[in-house]
Amino acid sequence: MKSGKKNIIREWVESIVIAFLLAMVIRAFVVQAFKIPTGSMRQTLIEGDLILVNKFIYGAKIPFTNKRLPAVRQPKRGDVIVFIYPEDRKKDFIKRLVGLPGETLEIRSGTIYINDKPVLDPVFNQRYYYNRGDFAMEGQKLVIPKGTYFVLGDNSASSKDSRYWGFVPADNILGKAILIYFPLTRIRIIK
């Protein structure tokens, strides 16, 4: 009788340990949940939204190393990305990727220009972008350094983003936001 109870307990412990290890592997390499703390990405994301971030797509970081898994693809303009905030590595930020390495970026009359051409994608041209901060003054053209990206919040009037603190190093990118999963009334793919 006692050995039967020990077997049941051992099976439960093994199941819990395996489930925990599997969850940690998935969280480290595949997908991670985040909560949106501010309105800087309104209306795409609002305060309190719970989202899933695909860490695998850009090559997940291998814990306790400076190495990454191979990427499925590189970040592209329009992706909503989660990254380590360059001015405080303990914080994760979420913004929309606007400028790629080597491009020239300017914000003119509320419109984003890349290499002197307006960005016509509806994700961008249905918003007004303000000239604020040291990295987006009126008439200022920025060349985005190699290995870095320029990001903006969708709510340009209320977003601390690359306009204020500069560029996001590629190594700081954690993943691509893919899904709002809570609250239930807001479940959707993030575009």
Protein backbone atom coordinates (compact mmCIF):
# COMPACT_ATOMS: atom_id res chain seq x y z
CA MET A 1 0.00 0.00 0.00
CA LYS A 2 2.75 2.47 0.94
CA SER A 3 4.75 1.82 -2.25
CA GLY A 4 1.59 2.55 -4.30
CA LYS A 5 1.24 5.98 -2.65
CA LYS A 6 4.96 6.66 -3.19
CA ASN A 7 4.58 5.84 -6.90
CA ILE A 8 1.61 8.20 -7.24
CA ILE A 9 3.48 11.00 -5.46
CA ARG A 10 6.58 10.38 -7.59
CA GLU A 11 4.49 10.50 -10.78
CA TRP A 12 2.90 13.78 -9.70
CA VAL A 13 6.28 15.32 -8.85
CA GLU A 14 7.77 14.14 -12.16
CA SER A 15 4.79 15.56 -14.08
CA ILE A 16 5.07 18.92 -12.33
CA VAL A 17 8.84 19.13 -12.90
CA ILE A 18 8.50 18.21 -16.58
CA ALA A 19 5.66 20.73 -17.06
CA PHE A 20 7.75 23.43 -15.35
CA LEU A 21 10.83 22.70 -17.47
CA LEU A 22 8.77 22.65 -20.66
CA ALA A 23 7.15 25.99 -19.73
CA MET A 24 10.59 27.53 -19.09
CA VAL A 25 11.91 26.32 -22.46
CA ILE A 26 8.84 27.67 -24.27
CA ARG A 27 9.12 31.00 -22.43
CA ALA A 28 12.85 31.33 -23.13
CA PHE A 29 12.83 30.34 -26.80
CA VAL A 30 9.34 30.45 -28.31
CA VAL A 31 6.71 32.74 -26.79
CA GLN A 32 6.38 34.96 -23.74
CA ALA A 33 3.48 36.87 -22.22
CA PHE A 34 3.68 40.60 -21.47
CA LYS A 35 1.27 43.18 -20.00
CA ILE A 36 0.92 46.62 -21.60
CA PRO A 37 1.59 49.25 -18.88
CA THR A 38 1.02 52.55 -20.74
CA GLY A 39 -0.96 54.16 -23.56
CA SER A 40 2.05 54.77 -25.82
CA MET A 41 0.76 52.23 -28.37
CA ARG A 42 -2.92 53.29 -28.37
CA GLN A 43 -5.11 52.24 -30.26
CA THR A 44 -3.16 49.18 -31.33
CA LEU A 45 -2.51 48.20 -27.69
CA ILE A 46 -4.11 49.72 -24.62
CA GLU A 47 -3.21 49.69 -20.95
CA GLY A 48 -3.85 46.30 -19.39
CA ASP A 49 -3.79 44.28 -22.63
CA LEU A 50 -2.07 40.93 -22.18
CA ILE A 51 -0.08 39.96 -25.25
CA LEU A 52 2.03 37.10 -26.56
CA VAL A 53 5.44 37.82 -28.06
CA ASN A 54 7.09 35.49 -30.57
CA LYS A 55 10.73 35.24 -29.44
CA PHE A 56 11.66 32.60 -32.01
CA ILE A 57 11.10 34.72 -35.14
CA TYR A 58 14.16 36.98 -34.69
CA GLY A 59 16.31 34.30 -33.07
CA ALA A 60 15.68 33.87 -29.35
CA LYS A 61 18.48 34.75 -26.96
CA ILE A 62 20.09 31.76 -25.29
CA PRO A 63 19.86 32.35 -21.53
CA PHE A 64 23.09 33.22 -19.69
CA THR A 65 24.98 33.80 -22.96
CA ASN A 66 25.34 36.52 -25.58
CA LYS A 67 24.28 34.11 -28.31
CA ARG A 68 21.04 33.74 -30.25
CA LEU A 69 19.33 30.92 -32.08
CA PRO A 70 19.15 31.36 -35.87
CA ALA A 71 16.46 33.84 -36.90
CA VAL A 72 13.47 32.92 -39.07
CA ARG A 73 13.62 36.46 -40.47
CA GLN A 74 14.98 39.88 -39.67
CA PRO A 75 12.81 42.60 -38.08
CA LYS A 76 10.96 44.65 -40.68
CA ARG A 77 9.24 48.01 -40.82
CA GLY A 78 5.82 47.88 -39.21
CA ASP A 79 6.58 45.04 -36.77
CA VAL A 80 5.45 45.72 -33.20
CA ILE A 81 8.49 44.65 -31.20
CA VAL A 82 9.38 44.11 -27.56
CA PHE A 83 12.92 45.11 -26.64
CA ILE A 84 15.18 45.89 -23.72
CA TYR A 85 15.02 49.63 -23.10
CA PRO A 86 18.46 51.03 -24.02
CA GLU A 87 18.54 53.43 -21.04
CA ASP A 88 17.51 50.86 -18.40
CA ARG A 89 18.23 47.22 -19.19
CA LYS A 90 15.81 46.09 -16.44
CA LYS A 91 12.82 47.40 -18.44
CA ASP A 92 11.16 45.96 -21.52
CA PHE A 93 9.48 48.36 -23.96
CA ILE A 94 7.07 47.80 -26.83
CA LYS A 95 6.98 50.03 -29.91
CA ARG A 96 6.51 49.84 -33.68
CA LEU A 97 9.65 49.43 -35.77
CA VAL A 98 9.93 52.32 -38.21
CA GLY A 99 13.52 52.65 -39.41
CA LEU A 100 16.01 49.98 -40.45
CA PRO A 101 19.82 50.06 -40.27
CA GLY A 102 21.40 52.35 -42.87
CA GLU A 103 18.18 54.20 -43.74
CA THR A 104 17.72 57.97 -43.52
CA LEU A 105 14.66 58.90 -41.47
CA GLU A 106 12.85 62.20 -41.10
CA ILE A 107 9.52 63.21 -39.55
CA ARG A 108 8.05 66.05 -41.62
CA SER A 109 4.57 67.54 -41.10
CA GLY A 110 3.47 64.46 -39.15
CA THR A 111 4.62 62.02 -41.85
CA ILE A 112 7.56 59.61 -41.68
CA TYR A 113 10.01 59.82 -44.56
CA ILE A 114 12.49 57.04 -45.26
CA ASN A 115 15.28 57.91 -47.68
CA ASP A 116 13.34 61.10 -48.62
CA LYS A 117 10.15 59.18 -49.56
CA PRO A 118 6.97 59.22 -47.45
CA VAL A 119 6.02 55.90 -45.88
CA LEU A 120 2.64 55.15 -47.45
CA ASP A 121 1.80 51.96 -45.54
CA PRO A 122 -1.59 52.49 -43.80
CA VAL A 123 -0.03 51.37 -40.50
CA PHE A 124 1.95 54.61 -40.59
CA ASN A 125 0.13 57.13 -42.77
CA GLN A 126 -3.08 57.04 -40.70
CA ARG A 127 -1.22 58.53 -37.71
CA TYR A 128 0.33 61.90 -37.05
CA TYR A 129 3.93 61.77 -35.79
CA TYR A 130 5.16 64.74 -33.77
CA ASN A 131 8.62 66.27 -33.97
CA ARG A 132 9.76 65.86 -30.37
CA GLY A 133 12.97 64.94 -28.61
CA ASP A 134 16.58 65.16 -29.66
CA PHE A 135 16.22 62.58 -32.43
CA ALA A 136 13.25 63.99 -34.35
CA MET A 137 13.54 67.74 -34.52
CA GLU A 138 11.86 69.58 -37.40
CA GLY A 139 14.10 69.38 -40.48
CA GLN A 140 16.41 66.78 -38.91
CA LYS A 141 17.40 63.79 -41.02
CA LEU A 142 18.83 60.82 -39.13
CA VAL A 143 20.94 58.04 -40.54
CA ILE A 144 20.14 54.90 -38.57
CA PRO A 145 23.45 53.27 -37.56
CA LYS A 146 24.32 49.73 -38.59
CA GLY A 147 22.96 47.14 -36.15
CA THR A 148 20.26 49.46 -34.74
CA TYR A 149 16.60 50.32 -35.34
CA PHE A 150 14.36 53.38 -34.89
CA VAL A 151 11.04 52.76 -33.10
CA LEU A 152 7.96 54.88 -32.42
CA GLY A 153 4.85 54.48 -30.32
CA ASP A 154 1.58 54.45 -32.26
CA ASN A 155 0.34 57.18 -29.90
CA SER A 156 2.96 59.72 -30.94
CA ALA A 157 1.63 62.45 -28.64
CA SER A 158 2.19 60.26 -25.56
CA SER A 159 5.16 58.01 -26.30
CA LYS A 160 8.75 58.09 -25.09
CA ASP A 161 10.47 56.39 -27.99
CA SER A 162 13.47 56.69 -30.32
CA ARG A 163 12.71 60.39 -30.79
CA TYR A 164 13.87 60.92 -27.19
CA TRP A 165 16.53 58.29 -26.50
CA GLY A 166 17.80 57.20 -29.90
CA PHE A 167 18.29 53.81 -31.47
CA VAL A 168 17.51 50.26 -30.37
CA PRO A 169 20.48 47.89 -30.77
CA ALA A 170 19.54 44.68 -32.60
CA ASP A 171 20.78 42.67 -29.58
CA ASN A 172 18.11 44.34 -27.41
CA ILE A 173 15.19 43.02 -29.47
CA LEU A 174 13.34 40.24 -27.65
CA GLY A 175 10.60 39.42 -30.13
CA LYS A 176 7.57 40.37 -32.21
CA ALA A 177 4.19 41.03 -30.58
CA ILE A 178 1.72 38.66 -32.23
CA LEU A 179 -1.51 38.40 -30.24
CA ILE A 180 -3.68 40.15 -27.66
CA TYR A 181 -5.13 37.31 -25.59
CA PHE A 182 -6.81 39.27 -22.78
CA PRO A 183 -9.24 40.92 -22.16
CA LEU A 184 -11.48 38.58 -24.12
CA THR A 185 -13.23 41.48 -25.88
CA ARG A 186 -9.86 42.54 -27.40
CA ILE A 187 -8.53 39.17 -28.60
CA ARG A 188 -6.86 39.77 -31.96
CA ILE A 189 -3.72 39.40 -34.04
CA ILE A 190 -1.46 42.44 -33.64
CA LYS A 191 -0.84 44.31 -36.90
